[in-house]
Amino acid sequence: MKTPILLKVLQMSATKNNPDYKKIASIKGDAGFTILELLVVVIMLGILASIAAPGWLGFINRQRVRTVNDRVFQSLRTAQSEAKRTKRDVTIVFNNNTSTPPVDPPTVAINGNTQQLNAQGEIKPGTIALRTNAPAPSANSITFDYQGNVNQLPLDPSSPNGHRFVATVSVSGGGAKQCVFVETLIGGMRTAEGNDCPTLP
């Protein structure tokens, strides 16, 4: 019976020490965010997102270009290896959005076996442009003979020796750019990026 009286005494002493006891209890029960605070946080997140978005888009575009360029390089290497293995000529044809009919995303055909250069559907149509400097009648193609050599390289004024096959991969509408060169008649290849890649029509 004495316990409830003791509790009542302790409660009264607590309220006497703090005259605003009821106001503080009421404020603690209504704790939360005001609409103004939420609005400020949303605006700050929007500003941060607008700063980060162009950098993220540039990164994604560079990754797309790198992926397609790697596939172009591997396709050329595969065609050269296939020519050596089978001891016969192998022609590789790049079909792109300047081909007739246009192909988007680009594809590559090695002796009629066509593969898409879109990383299993991860690269959507209209995002990547592929160009080569091979003129008609063998536009967008190059042939390796039974030794893996190239019989004829296209004319390229920007090349030190005047002839080389160039396949350039870039973001549609400009931006990141990478390329693959077949520079010698024995089929020597290398890659480059940015300003080291020629601008192709």
Protein backbone atom coordinates (compact mmCIF):
# COMPACT_ATOMS: atom_id res chain seq x y z
CA MET A 1 0.00 0.00 0.00
CA LYS A 2 2.90 2.35 0.60
CA THR A 3 4.31 1.86 -2.95
CA PRO A 4 1.66 3.93 -4.85
CA ILE A 5 2.13 6.80 -2.42
CA LEU A 6 5.88 6.71 -3.01
CA LEU A 7 5.35 6.82 -6.77
CA LYS A 8 2.99 9.76 -6.43
CA VAL A 9 5.56 11.65 -4.36
CA LEU A 10 8.30 11.01 -6.92
CA GLN A 11 6.08 12.19 -9.77
CA MET A 12 5.17 15.39 -7.94
CA SER A 13 8.80 16.13 -7.15
CA ALA A 14 9.69 15.68 -10.83
CA THR A 15 7.05 18.19 -11.91
CA LYS A 16 8.14 20.69 -9.26
CA ASN A 17 11.77 20.60 -10.52
CA ASN A 18 10.66 21.19 -14.12
CA PRO A 19 7.73 23.63 -14.42
CA ASP A 20 7.39 23.02 -18.23
CA TYR A 21 7.00 19.27 -17.75
CA LYS A 22 3.62 19.00 -19.53
CA LYS A 23 4.74 21.15 -22.50
CA ILE A 24 7.91 19.04 -23.04
CA ALA A 25 5.94 15.80 -22.87
CA SER A 26 3.53 17.18 -25.49
CA ILE A 27 6.37 18.22 -27.83
CA LYS A 28 8.05 14.82 -27.60
CA GLY A 29 4.80 13.14 -28.58
CA ASP A 30 4.50 15.30 -31.74
CA ALA A 31 8.09 14.79 -33.00
CA GLY A 32 8.48 14.53 -36.85
CA PHE A 33 9.47 16.49 -39.98
CA THR A 34 7.77 19.60 -41.24
CA ILE A 35 6.89 20.04 -44.91
CA LEU A 36 9.57 22.72 -45.19
CA GLU A 37 12.28 20.36 -43.94
CA LEU A 38 11.18 17.68 -46.41
CA LEU A 39 11.15 20.22 -49.24
CA VAL A 40 14.71 21.36 -48.45
CA VAL A 41 15.96 17.74 -48.44
CA VAL A 42 14.24 16.99 -51.79
CA ILE A 43 15.75 20.12 -53.38
CA MET A 44 19.24 19.19 -52.11
CA LEU A 45 18.90 15.66 -53.52
CA GLY A 46 17.79 17.11 -56.87
CA ILE A 47 20.81 19.41 -57.02
CA LEU A 48 23.20 16.55 -56.19
CA ALA A 49 21.57 14.31 -58.82
CA SER A 50 21.84 17.01 -61.51
CA ILE A 51 25.56 17.38 -60.73
CA ALA A 52 26.24 13.62 -60.82
CA ALA A 53 24.07 12.69 -63.85
CA PRO A 54 26.36 13.97 -66.67
CA GLY A 55 29.38 12.21 -65.19
CA TRP A 56 27.44 8.97 -64.86
CA LEU A 57 26.12 9.24 -68.44
CA GLY A 58 29.66 9.84 -69.73
CA PHE A 59 30.91 6.78 -67.84
CA ILE A 60 28.12 4.59 -69.28
CA ASN A 61 28.85 5.82 -72.83
CA ARG A 62 32.57 5.09 -72.46
CA GLN A 63 31.75 1.57 -71.24
CA ARG A 64 29.44 0.97 -74.22
CA VAL A 65 32.08 2.14 -76.69
CA ARG A 66 34.78 0.04 -74.99
CA THR A 67 32.56 -3.06 -75.06
CA VAL A 68 31.74 -2.77 -78.78
CA ASN A 69 35.34 -1.88 -79.69
CA ASP A 70 36.61 -4.96 -77.82
CA ARG A 71 34.13 -7.10 -79.76
CA VAL A 72 35.29 -5.58 -83.06
CA PHE A 73 38.91 -6.33 -82.17
CA GLN A 74 38.08 -9.91 -81.10
CA SER A 75 36.07 -10.45 -84.30
CA LEU A 76 39.03 -9.38 -86.43
CA ARG A 77 41.34 -11.67 -84.44
CA THR A 78 38.85 -14.55 -84.80
CA ALA A 79 38.61 -14.05 -88.58
CA GLN A 80 42.41 -14.00 -88.88
CA SER A 81 42.76 -17.14 -86.76
CA GLU A 82 40.01 -18.90 -88.73
CA ALA A 83 41.81 -18.12 -92.00
CA LYS A 84 45.05 -19.64 -90.66
CA ARG A 85 43.27 -22.67 -89.18
CA THR A 86 41.22 -23.56 -92.26
CA LYS A 87 43.92 -22.50 -94.79
CA ARG A 88 41.43 -20.48 -96.83
CA ASP A 89 40.36 -16.85 -97.25
CA VAL A 90 38.04 -15.48 -94.57
CA THR A 91 36.09 -12.26 -95.09
CA ILE A 92 34.75 -10.24 -92.18
CA VAL A 93 31.93 -7.76 -92.89
CA PHE A 94 30.79 -5.04 -90.48
CA ASN A 95 27.13 -4.11 -90.95
CA ASN A 96 26.16 -0.81 -89.37
CA ASN A 97 23.68 2.04 -89.62
CA THR A 98 25.33 3.24 -92.87
CA SER A 99 25.05 -0.20 -94.49
CA THR A 100 22.38 -1.03 -97.05
CA PRO A 101 19.98 -1.82 -95.46
CA PRO A 102 20.94 -0.07 -92.20
CA VAL A 103 21.73 -2.33 -89.23
CA ASP A 104 21.38 -0.98 -85.69
CA PRO A 105 22.86 -2.17 -83.36
CA PRO A 106 25.87 -3.10 -85.55
CA THR A 107 26.65 -6.70 -86.49
CA VAL A 108 29.69 -8.54 -87.77
CA ALA A 109 29.63 -11.44 -90.24
CA ILE A 110 32.56 -13.84 -90.56
CA ASN A 111 32.06 -15.89 -93.75
CA GLY A 112 28.29 -15.46 -93.41
CA ASN A 113 28.09 -16.24 -89.67
CA THR A 114 26.50 -13.07 -88.22
CA GLN A 115 26.88 -11.90 -84.62
CA GLN A 116 25.46 -8.79 -82.99
CA LEU A 117 27.87 -6.34 -81.35
CA ASN A 118 25.39 -5.31 -78.65
CA ALA A 119 26.73 -7.24 -75.62
CA GLN A 120 23.80 -9.68 -75.46
CA GLY A 121 21.20 -6.93 -75.72
CA GLU A 122 22.73 -4.55 -73.16
CA ILE A 123 23.48 -1.91 -75.80
CA LYS A 124 20.24 -0.50 -77.23
CA PRO A 125 19.72 0.61 -80.86
CA GLY A 126 20.72 4.18 -81.63
CA THR A 127 23.40 4.46 -78.94
CA ILE A 128 26.55 3.28 -80.78
CA ALA A 129 27.85 4.14 -84.25
CA LEU A 130 30.31 1.88 -86.10
CA ARG A 131 32.21 3.11 -89.18
CA THR A 132 34.94 1.62 -91.37
CA ASN A 133 37.10 3.14 -94.06
CA ALA A 134 36.78 0.22 -96.51
CA PRO A 135 35.48 1.59 -99.86
CA ALA A 136 33.04 -0.05 -102.29
CA PRO A 137 32.71 -2.71 -103.64
CA SER A 138 34.01 -4.37 -100.44
CA ALA A 139 32.55 -1.68 -98.18
CA ASN A 140 32.88 -2.38 -94.45
CA SER A 141 34.84 -5.60 -95.04
CA ILE A 142 38.35 -6.98 -94.94
CA THR A 143 39.68 -10.37 -96.10
CA PHE A 144 42.42 -12.45 -94.49
CA ASP A 145 44.19 -15.06 -96.63
CA TYR A 146 45.28 -18.57 -95.61
CA GLN A 147 48.33 -17.14 -93.78
CA GLY A 148 46.33 -14.49 -91.90
CA ASN A 149 47.66 -11.75 -94.16
CA VAL A 150 45.64 -8.98 -95.81
CA ASN A 151 45.85 -8.78 -99.61
CA GLN A 152 44.90 -5.12 -99.81
CA LEU A 153 44.43 -2.38 -97.21
CA PRO A 154 42.20 0.66 -97.88
CA LEU A 155 43.78 4.04 -98.57
CA ASP A 156 44.06 6.12 -95.40
CA PRO A 157 45.75 9.55 -95.63
CA SER A 158 46.07 9.76 -91.83
CA SER A 159 48.18 6.56 -91.73
CA PRO A 160 52.00 6.84 -91.67
CA ASN A 161 52.29 4.32 -94.53
CA GLY A 162 49.19 5.54 -96.42
CA HIS A 163 47.11 2.37 -96.10
CA ARG A 164 45.26 0.69 -93.23
CA PHE A 165 41.85 -0.68 -92.32
CA VAL A 166 40.08 1.34 -89.63
CA ALA A 167 36.93 0.43 -87.67
CA THR A 168 35.79 3.30 -85.44
CA VAL A 169 33.25 2.90 -82.62
CA SER A 170 31.70 6.03 -81.13
CA VAL A 171 28.65 7.25 -79.26
CA SER A 172 25.87 8.23 -81.66
CA GLY A 173 25.90 12.00 -81.94
CA GLY A 174 29.55 12.36 -80.83
CA GLY A 175 31.43 11.81 -77.61
CA ALA A 176 33.58 8.85 -76.58
CA LYS A 177 35.43 7.20 -79.47
CA GLN A 178 37.67 4.13 -79.86
CA CYS A 179 39.00 2.34 -82.93
CA VAL A 180 40.77 -0.75 -84.23
CA PHE A 181 43.50 -0.56 -86.89
CA VAL A 182 44.74 -3.31 -89.20
CA GLU A 183 47.94 -1.56 -90.20
CA THR A 184 50.14 -4.05 -92.03
CA LEU A 185 49.71 -6.55 -94.83
CA ILE A 186 50.65 -9.31 -92.39
CA GLY A 187 47.54 -8.43 -90.34
CA GLY A 188 49.10 -6.47 -87.48
CA MET A 189 46.35 -4.93 -85.32
CA ARG A 190 46.12 -2.38 -82.55
CA THR A 191 43.50 -0.27 -80.79
CA ALA A 192 43.37 3.45 -80.01
CA GLU A 193 40.98 5.94 -78.49
CA GLY A 194 39.97 9.58 -78.54
CA ASN A 195 41.90 11.89 -80.88
CA ASP A 196 44.13 9.01 -82.06
CA CYS A 197 41.13 7.68 -84.01
CA PRO A 198 40.44 9.28 -87.39
CA THR A 199 37.03 10.78 -88.12
CA LEU A 200 35.29 8.61 -90.70
CA PRO A 201 32.33 9.73 -92.85
